[in-house]
Amino acid sequence: MLEVLLRIPNQPLRSLHCEETSVDAANLVLRGFKGDVSYFQSNDVEIDATFWDSFSASVNDASENKSASEYQEMVTGAISEIQKHTVQKVVLSRRLFWDRPGANPKLTFEKLLENYPSCTVFALKHEQFGSWMGASPEVLLESSAQGYRSMSLAGTRLKGTTHWGQKELEEQKFVTKEVHKSLKEFGGKITRDKQSTFSAGPVEHLLTWVNTDNLELDPKAAAEELHPTPAICGSPSVKAQELIEQLEGYDRSLYAGYLGLFEDNVHATVLLRTMQWFSNGVQFYAGGGITKDSVPLDEWMETQHKISALKELIQIDDLG
């Protein structure tokens, strides 16, 4: 069984029990960055404190943390491929395992709800995928008054910075163009909202909503067409995925996958700002978009900011 706690912005927190089913019967979809899609029939249940009893039961004994120099070397390798025109952009990520047996998932989840009101906050546990939580700023697909819309979200800066650099502006253009192209595959009129700045905790991103008025499209098929977006993979997608496989050296699992509710109102969120929980600590995931204008040290610092923002919210039990 899949168990989920989910708070979509401006909606109440929901608790869902989900059983695997066929694609046609499913109203909830969970997929990792790669691999097969898992389809579920979900039912709302009372929020129960027992959700947390076995939330972080397994032990992590296999994680390796990349150093600053190793990550920057990886970024340098990606820039080299971009200069060869193999790809235009690639999103590279890393994991960081924090050995902290006293981390309290329930209290940490409450902090995420409090500190990320504009993000989709989730916690889930599953026998195959393990226990995860996060506060994602990125909407893959959702219902709108006109039809559906998808979020082009890219570029990162610390809150309070006064301007966007050329690198971030170019990065977001890649994403917007590809999201537009994906939605256009389903027909209908495609429009874009004015570019804006989206706040997600201590950082900000460039945001452009891409809209379709096609009320007849199959939202599950559209979500699969949109995934993986250039915001979490790169462009062109196939080449970017090959480069990620070559350079990152680990399985992203649910990180940069998506969790989708396909009810009367569709909402599918990309699984970003994620933490995987274990009995002996917490594993963080973070990445950034690499373009020809990237500076390796800046890219390392971007992942540091993203991880630190989550790490600061981890609540620790008093073991003394």
Protein backbone atom coordinates (compact mmCIF):
# COMPACT_ATOMS: atom_id res chain seq x y z
CA MET A 1 0.00 0.00 0.00
CA LEU A 2 1.00 3.60 -0.64
CA GLU A 3 0.16 6.07 2.13
CA VAL A 4 0.29 9.80 1.40
CA LEU A 5 -0.12 13.06 3.28
CA LEU A 6 -0.65 15.87 0.79
CA ARG A 7 -1.24 19.61 1.07
CA ILE A 8 -1.81 21.37 -2.26
CA PRO A 9 -1.53 25.18 -1.92
CA ASN A 10 -4.77 26.77 -0.68
CA GLN A 11 -6.29 23.36 0.06
CA PRO A 12 -6.61 21.38 3.30
CA LEU A 13 -4.18 18.62 4.22
CA ARG A 14 -5.34 15.21 2.99
CA SER A 15 -4.49 11.68 4.09
CA LEU A 16 -4.72 9.05 1.35
CA HIS A 17 -4.56 5.24 1.39
CA CYS A 18 -3.77 3.96 -2.09
CA GLU A 19 -4.01 0.48 -3.62
CA GLU A 20 -2.38 -0.43 -6.94
CA THR A 21 -4.75 -0.60 -9.89
CA SER A 22 -4.89 -0.22 -13.67
CA VAL A 23 -4.21 3.02 -15.48
CA ASP A 24 -7.90 3.46 -16.36
CA ALA A 25 -9.10 2.98 -12.77
CA ALA A 26 -6.37 5.08 -11.19
CA ASN A 27 -6.95 8.47 -9.61
CA LEU A 28 -3.39 8.77 -8.29
CA VAL A 29 -0.12 8.30 -10.14
CA LEU A 30 3.38 7.97 -8.70
CA ARG A 31 6.46 7.76 -10.86
CA GLY A 32 10.17 8.09 -10.34
CA PHE A 33 12.50 10.04 -12.57
CA LYS A 34 12.80 6.97 -14.79
CA GLY A 35 11.31 3.49 -14.92
CA ASP A 36 7.71 2.36 -14.78
CA VAL A 37 4.69 4.38 -13.71
CA SER A 38 2.71 3.18 -10.66
CA TYR A 39 -1.08 3.62 -10.73
CA PHE A 40 -3.26 3.69 -7.61
CA GLN A 41 -6.85 4.02 -6.49
CA SER A 42 -6.77 6.39 -3.51
CA ASN A 43 -9.26 6.91 -0.71
CA ASP A 44 -9.33 9.75 1.80
CA VAL A 45 -8.96 8.62 5.41
CA GLU A 46 -8.76 10.39 8.75
CA ILE A 47 -5.33 11.85 9.47
CA ASP A 48 -3.81 9.45 11.96
CA ALA A 49 -0.63 9.85 14.01
CA THR A 50 0.19 6.18 13.30
CA PHE A 51 1.23 7.28 9.79
CA TRP A 52 4.58 8.20 11.33
CA ASP A 53 5.11 5.00 13.35
CA SER A 54 7.03 3.16 10.63
CA PHE A 55 7.87 6.17 8.49
CA SER A 56 11.65 5.85 8.71
CA ALA A 57 12.13 2.18 9.51
CA SER A 58 14.86 1.17 7.03
CA VAL A 59 18.59 1.82 7.42
CA ASN A 60 20.65 3.68 4.83
CA ASP A 61 24.11 2.12 4.61
CA ALA A 62 24.96 2.71 0.96
CA SER A 63 24.97 6.47 0.30
CA GLU A 64 28.06 8.39 -0.81
CA ASN A 65 28.18 12.18 -0.57
CA LYS A 66 29.81 14.07 -3.44
CA SER A 67 32.38 16.66 -2.40
CA ALA A 68 32.36 20.22 -3.73
CA SER A 69 35.23 19.43 -6.09
CA GLU A 70 33.55 16.25 -7.38
CA TYR A 71 30.30 18.07 -8.11
CA GLN A 72 32.09 20.94 -9.85
CA GLU A 73 34.03 18.44 -11.94
CA MET A 74 30.70 16.89 -12.98
CA VAL A 75 29.37 20.32 -13.95
CA THR A 76 32.53 21.04 -15.96
CA GLY A 77 31.96 17.79 -17.86
CA ALA A 78 28.39 18.84 -18.65
CA ILE A 79 29.50 22.28 -19.88
CA SER A 80 31.97 20.55 -22.20
CA GLU A 81 29.14 18.50 -23.73
CA ILE A 82 27.02 21.64 -24.13
CA GLN A 83 29.89 23.35 -25.95
CA LYS A 84 30.00 20.33 -28.29
CA HIS A 85 26.25 20.90 -28.91
CA THR A 86 25.38 17.44 -27.55
CA VAL A 87 22.77 19.12 -25.34
CA GLN A 88 21.57 22.68 -24.77
CA LYS A 89 20.92 22.21 -21.06
CA VAL A 90 21.24 19.39 -18.54
CA VAL A 91 20.06 19.25 -14.93
CA LEU A 92 22.61 17.64 -12.60
CA SER A 93 21.83 16.63 -9.04
CA ARG A 94 23.47 15.13 -6.00
CA ARG A 95 22.51 13.40 -2.76
CA LEU A 96 23.60 14.30 0.74
CA PHE A 97 23.06 11.84 3.58
CA TRP A 98 22.91 13.34 7.06
CA ASP A 99 23.64 10.74 9.73
CA ARG A 100 21.06 11.84 12.30
CA PRO A 101 19.14 9.03 14.07
CA GLY A 102 17.11 11.47 16.20
CA ALA A 103 15.45 13.27 13.28
CA ASN A 104 11.69 13.56 13.85
CA PRO A 105 9.68 13.25 10.59
CA LYS A 106 6.29 14.31 12.01
CA LEU A 107 7.56 17.59 13.47
CA THR A 108 9.65 18.26 10.36
CA PHE A 109 6.59 17.79 8.13
CA GLU A 110 4.73 20.36 10.24
CA LYS A 111 7.62 22.79 9.66
CA LEU A 112 7.38 22.23 5.91
CA LEU A 113 3.66 23.02 5.99
CA GLU A 114 4.38 26.22 7.89
CA ASN A 115 7.35 27.45 5.86
CA TYR A 116 6.25 26.54 2.32
CA PRO A 117 2.64 27.80 1.91
CA SER A 118 3.01 28.27 -1.87
CA CYS A 119 4.41 24.76 -2.45
CA THR A 120 2.87 21.30 -2.60
CA VAL A 121 3.94 19.64 0.65
CA PHE A 122 3.93 15.84 0.75
CA ALA A 123 4.97 12.84 2.80
CA LEU A 124 4.62 9.30 1.50
CA LYS A 125 5.66 5.78 2.36
CA HIS A 126 5.66 2.67 0.21
CA GLU A 127 7.29 -0.75 0.57
CA GLN A 128 9.24 -0.34 -2.68
CA PHE A 129 10.09 3.36 -2.72
CA GLY A 130 10.59 3.91 1.00
CA SER A 131 9.70 7.05 2.98
CA TRP A 132 9.88 10.52 1.42
CA MET A 133 8.76 14.05 2.14
CA GLY A 134 9.25 17.44 0.57
CA ALA A 135 7.88 20.82 -0.43
CA SER A 136 7.77 21.09 -4.21
CA PRO A 137 7.45 24.42 -6.02
CA GLU A 138 6.84 22.86 -9.45
CA VAL A 139 3.44 21.91 -10.88
CA LEU A 140 3.67 19.44 -13.74
CA LEU A 141 -0.02 19.72 -14.72
CA GLU A 142 -3.19 21.03 -13.13
CA SER A 143 -6.76 21.94 -14.01
CA SER A 144 -7.54 25.57 -14.78
CA ALA A 145 -10.66 27.58 -15.60
CA GLN A 146 -9.82 27.36 -19.32
CA GLY A 147 -8.54 23.79 -19.41
CA TYR A 148 -5.14 22.78 -18.06
CA ARG A 149 -1.82 24.45 -17.36
CA SER A 150 1.77 23.47 -16.72
CA MET A 151 4.45 25.40 -14.91
CA SER A 152 7.69 26.42 -16.58
CA LEU A 153 9.90 26.90 -13.52
CA ALA A 154 13.65 27.40 -13.77
CA GLY A 155 16.47 29.60 -12.58
CA THR A 156 17.28 30.00 -8.90
CA ARG A 157 18.43 32.92 -6.77
CA LEU A 158 18.43 33.72 -3.08
CA LYS A 159 15.43 35.73 -1.92
CA GLY A 160 16.26 39.42 -1.80
CA THR A 161 18.49 39.41 -4.90
CA THR A 162 17.53 42.34 -7.13
CA HIS A 163 17.98 40.96 -10.65
CA TRP A 164 18.04 37.81 -12.75
CA GLY A 165 21.22 36.88 -14.61
CA GLN A 166 21.41 35.95 -18.27
CA LYS A 167 22.11 32.33 -17.37
CA GLU A 168 18.82 32.03 -15.43
CA LEU A 169 16.82 33.82 -18.13
CA GLU A 170 18.17 31.52 -20.84
CA GLU A 171 17.58 28.46 -18.68
CA GLN A 172 13.93 29.35 -18.20
CA LYS A 173 13.44 29.95 -21.95
CA PHE A 174 14.48 26.33 -22.62
CA VAL A 175 11.88 25.05 -20.19
CA THR A 176 9.04 27.27 -21.44
CA LYS A 177 9.69 26.29 -25.06
CA GLU A 178 9.62 22.55 -24.29
CA VAL A 179 6.52 22.73 -22.07
CA HIS A 180 4.74 24.66 -24.84
CA LYS A 181 5.80 22.01 -27.36
CA SER A 182 4.59 19.13 -25.16
CA LEU A 183 1.12 20.62 -24.58
CA LYS A 184 0.79 21.48 -28.26
CA GLU A 185 1.00 17.74 -29.06
CA PHE A 186 -2.54 17.42 -27.67
CA GLY A 187 -4.07 20.23 -29.74
CA GLY A 188 -5.99 23.23 -28.52
CA LYS A 189 -4.85 26.83 -28.20
CA ILE A 190 -1.62 27.25 -26.22
CA THR A 191 -0.96 30.52 -24.41
CA ARG A 192 1.64 31.75 -21.93
CA ASP A 193 1.18 33.99 -18.93
CA LYS A 194 3.60 36.82 -18.23
CA GLN A 195 6.87 35.73 -16.64
CA SER A 196 6.99 36.28 -12.88
CA THR A 197 9.10 35.45 -9.83
CA PHE A 198 8.01 32.55 -7.61
CA SER A 199 9.04 32.38 -3.95
CA ALA A 200 9.84 28.96 -2.45
CA GLY A 201 11.18 29.31 1.07
CA PRO A 202 14.56 31.10 1.03
CA VAL A 203 14.97 30.97 -2.77
CA GLU A 204 13.14 32.31 -5.82
CA HIS A 205 12.58 30.97 -9.34
CA LEU A 206 11.44 32.31 -12.69
CA LEU A 207 7.90 31.18 -13.50
CA THR A 208 5.83 31.13 -16.67
CA TRP A 209 2.48 29.34 -16.77
CA VAL A 210 1.79 27.58 -20.08
CA ASN A 211 -1.95 27.06 -20.71
CA THR A 212 -4.08 24.92 -22.98
CA ASP A 213 -7.82 25.34 -23.58
CA ASN A 214 -8.14 21.67 -24.59
CA LEU A 215 -10.65 20.28 -22.10
CA GLU A 216 -10.68 16.92 -23.91
CA LEU A 217 -7.05 15.94 -23.44
CA ASP A 218 -6.18 12.87 -21.35
CA PRO A 219 -4.42 14.39 -18.31
CA LYS A 220 -2.53 11.19 -17.45
CA ALA A 221 -1.15 11.02 -20.99
CA ALA A 222 -0.33 14.74 -20.88
CA ALA A 223 1.58 14.31 -17.62
CA GLU A 224 3.66 11.55 -19.19
CA GLU A 225 4.31 13.71 -22.26
CA LEU A 226 5.47 16.57 -20.04
CA HIS A 227 7.72 14.34 -17.92
CA PRO A 228 10.62 14.82 -17.58
CA THR A 229 10.51 18.57 -18.07
CA PRO A 230 13.72 20.44 -18.96
CA ALA A 231 13.52 21.90 -15.44
CA ILE A 232 14.52 18.54 -13.98
CA CYS A 233 16.18 16.84 -16.96
CA GLY A 234 17.40 19.15 -19.74
CA SER A 235 17.04 19.67 -23.46
CA PRO A 236 16.85 17.72 -25.69
CA SER A 237 15.39 15.27 -23.20
CA VAL A 238 16.84 11.96 -24.46
CA LYS A 239 20.40 13.27 -24.73
CA ALA A 240 20.11 15.02 -21.37
CA GLN A 241 18.95 11.79 -19.71
CA GLU A 242 21.89 9.92 -21.21
CA LEU A 243 24.29 12.54 -19.85
CA ILE A 244 22.65 12.43 -16.41
CA GLU A 245 23.09 8.65 -16.35
CA GLN A 246 26.74 9.05 -17.32
CA LEU A 247 27.69 11.83 -14.90
CA GLU A 248 25.54 11.52 -11.76
CA GLY A 249 26.33 7.93 -10.90
CA TYR A 250 23.26 7.18 -8.77
CA ASP A 251 19.57 6.30 -9.13
CA ARG A 252 17.33 9.34 -8.47
CA SER A 253 14.43 7.06 -7.49
CA LEU A 254 11.43 9.33 -6.75
CA TYR A 255 13.49 12.53 -6.84
CA ALA A 256 12.41 14.53 -9.92
CA GLY A 257 9.55 12.12 -10.59
CA TYR A 258 5.97 13.20 -9.95
CA LEU A 259 2.92 12.58 -7.78
CA GLY A 260 -0.39 13.22 -9.51
CA LEU A 261 -4.00 13.38 -8.35
CA PHE A 262 -6.33 12.78 -11.29
CA GLU A 263 -9.71 13.67 -9.85
CA ASP A 264 -12.26 16.27 -10.97
CA ASN A 265 -9.49 18.78 -10.37
CA VAL A 266 -6.15 17.47 -11.61
CA HIS A 267 -2.96 18.31 -9.75
CA ALA A 268 0.38 16.67 -10.52
CA THR A 269 3.50 17.95 -8.78
CA VAL A 270 7.15 17.30 -9.63
CA LEU A 271 8.89 15.71 -6.64
CA LEU A 272 11.48 18.35 -5.83
CA ARG A 273 12.96 19.69 -2.55
CA THR A 274 12.83 16.10 -1.40
CA MET A 275 14.15 14.17 1.57
CA GLN A 276 14.26 10.38 1.91
CA TRP A 277 13.98 9.26 5.53
CA PHE A 278 15.80 6.38 7.23
CA SER A 279 16.13 5.21 10.84
CA ASN A 280 19.72 6.48 10.92
CA GLY A 281 19.24 9.82 9.18
CA VAL A 282 17.91 11.83 6.25
CA GLN A 283 19.01 11.87 2.62
CA PHE A 284 18.60 15.14 0.73
CA TYR A 285 18.40 15.57 -3.04
CA ALA A 286 19.11 18.78 -4.95
CA GLY A 287 20.14 19.84 -8.43
CA GLY A 288 20.45 22.71 -10.84
CA GLY A 289 20.22 23.47 -14.55
CA ILE A 290 23.56 23.57 -16.36
CA THR A 291 23.90 25.77 -19.47
CA LYS A 292 26.81 27.17 -21.45
CA ASP A 293 26.91 30.12 -19.03
CA SER A 294 27.12 28.02 -15.86
CA VAL A 295 29.89 28.57 -13.32
CA PRO A 296 30.71 25.28 -11.51
CA LEU A 297 31.16 26.90 -8.07
CA ASP A 298 27.86 28.77 -8.44
CA GLU A 299 26.10 25.51 -9.33
CA TRP A 300 27.54 23.80 -6.25
CA MET A 301 26.37 26.69 -4.08
CA GLU A 302 22.85 26.46 -5.56
CA THR A 303 22.58 22.85 -4.39
CA GLN A 304 24.01 23.87 -1.02
CA HIS A 305 21.31 26.53 -0.59
CA LYS A 306 18.54 24.10 -1.52
CA ILE A 307 19.77 21.39 0.84
CA SER A 308 20.49 23.81 3.69
CA ALA A 309 16.98 25.27 3.47
CA LEU A 310 15.52 21.81 4.15
CA LYS A 311 18.17 20.76 6.65
CA GLU A 312 17.43 23.81 8.80
CA LEU A 313 13.82 22.61 9.22
CA ILE A 314 14.72 19.11 10.44
CA GLN A 315 13.40 18.69 13.97
CA ILE A 316 15.50 16.58 16.33
CA ASP A 317 14.24 14.47 19.22
CA ASP A 318 15.90 15.03 22.57
CA LEU A 319 17.70 11.73 23.03
CA GLY A 320 19.30 12.79 26.29
